[in-house]
Amino acid sequence: MPSSTHHVSPNPKGGWSVRRRGGQRASRHFATKKAAEAYGRQVSFNQQTVLIVHHADGSTSSSNESSSDRPKARRRTSTQEH
């Protein structure tokens, strides 16, 4: 079970930020929630954390989906047939 979380939350200066729990600075800042959420999902998957997505009013709704529960992306190798 993941022991850490990442948050997608509105930035007071505008846009959306992705931040690791306890972090003082955002990992990245985005103009749209959709872009921040996509990046947050990828980071959460790579670091095996839980992603918590905040609403514009600051309330939260956890995805309740750890990266280990999601199917892994399949990568095509050069030996696979096309």
Protein backbone atom coordinates (compact mmCIF):
# COMPACT_ATOMS: atom_id res chain seq x y z
CA MET A 1 0.00 0.00 0.00
CA PRO A 2 1.35 3.42 -0.89
CA SER A 3 2.60 5.39 2.07
CA SER A 4 2.52 8.80 0.45
CA THR A 5 0.21 10.98 -1.56
CA HIS A 6 0.32 13.53 -4.35
CA HIS A 7 -2.23 16.34 -4.54
CA VAL A 8 -3.70 18.22 -7.49
CA SER A 9 -4.97 21.50 -6.09
CA PRO A 10 -5.88 25.01 -7.19
CA ASN A 11 -3.03 27.51 -6.92
CA PRO A 12 -3.92 30.79 -5.16
CA LYS A 13 -2.19 32.73 -7.97
CA GLY A 14 -4.18 30.90 -10.67
CA GLY A 15 -3.94 27.55 -12.38
CA TRP A 16 -3.38 24.18 -10.76
CA SER A 17 -0.43 22.62 -8.93
CA VAL A 18 0.77 19.08 -8.34
CA ARG A 19 2.42 18.67 -4.96
CA ARG A 20 3.68 15.76 -2.89
CA ARG A 21 2.21 15.61 0.62
CA GLY A 22 4.43 17.58 2.97
CA GLY A 23 6.26 19.30 0.15
CA GLN A 24 6.77 23.03 0.43
CA ARG A 25 6.85 23.63 -3.32
CA ALA A 26 4.75 22.28 -6.14
CA SER A 27 6.28 19.67 -8.41
CA ARG A 28 4.72 21.47 -11.37
CA HIS A 29 2.19 24.16 -12.16
CA PHE A 30 -0.43 23.96 -14.94
CA ALA A 31 -2.97 26.31 -16.48
CA THR A 32 -5.74 23.66 -16.43
CA LYS A 33 -6.94 21.09 -13.94
CA LYS A 34 -7.05 18.47 -16.68
CA ALA A 35 -3.34 18.89 -17.47
CA ALA A 36 -2.39 18.87 -13.78
CA GLU A 37 -4.44 15.75 -13.17
CA ALA A 38 -2.85 13.91 -16.11
CA TYR A 39 0.64 14.75 -14.86
CA GLY A 40 -0.35 13.89 -11.27
CA ARG A 41 -1.63 10.47 -12.34
CA GLN A 42 1.62 9.71 -14.14
CA VAL A 43 3.77 10.82 -11.19
CA SER A 44 1.54 8.94 -8.77
CA PHE A 45 1.81 5.81 -10.87
CA ASN A 46 5.60 6.07 -11.18
CA GLN A 47 6.15 6.71 -7.48
CA GLN A 48 3.39 4.34 -6.33
CA THR A 49 1.49 6.95 -4.35
CA VAL A 50 -2.18 7.81 -3.98
CA LEU A 51 -3.42 10.79 -5.98
CA ILE A 52 -5.84 13.17 -4.29
CA VAL A 53 -7.63 15.61 -6.57
CA HIS A 54 -9.00 18.80 -5.04
CA HIS A 55 -11.98 20.73 -6.35
CA ALA A 56 -11.79 24.44 -7.19
CA ASP A 57 -13.23 25.24 -3.74
CA GLY A 58 -10.40 23.30 -2.05
CA SER A 59 -12.47 20.30 -0.97
CA THR A 60 -11.04 16.91 -1.82
CA SER A 61 -12.07 13.74 -3.54
CA SER A 62 -9.51 10.97 -3.40
CA SER A 63 -9.17 8.80 -6.45
CA ASN A 64 -8.94 5.91 -3.95
CA GLU A 65 -6.87 4.15 -6.52
CA SER A 66 -3.30 3.33 -5.70
CA SER A 67 -0.92 2.88 -8.56
CA SER A 68 -0.58 -0.81 -7.73
CA ASP A 69 -4.33 -1.26 -8.35
CA ARG A 70 -4.17 0.17 -11.86
CA PRO A 71 -3.19 -1.91 -14.85
CA LYS A 72 0.35 -1.30 -16.00
CA ALA A 73 0.88 0.26 -19.39
CA ARG A 74 2.18 -2.23 -21.90
CA ARG A 75 5.21 -1.21 -23.83
CA ARG A 76 5.92 -2.51 -27.27
CA THR A 77 9.37 -3.98 -27.72
CA SER A 78 11.21 -4.35 -30.97
CA THR A 79 10.77 -8.13 -30.86
CA GLN A 80 6.97 -7.94 -30.82
CA GLU A 81 5.12 -8.26 -34.10
CA HIS A 82 3.34 -5.20 -35.39
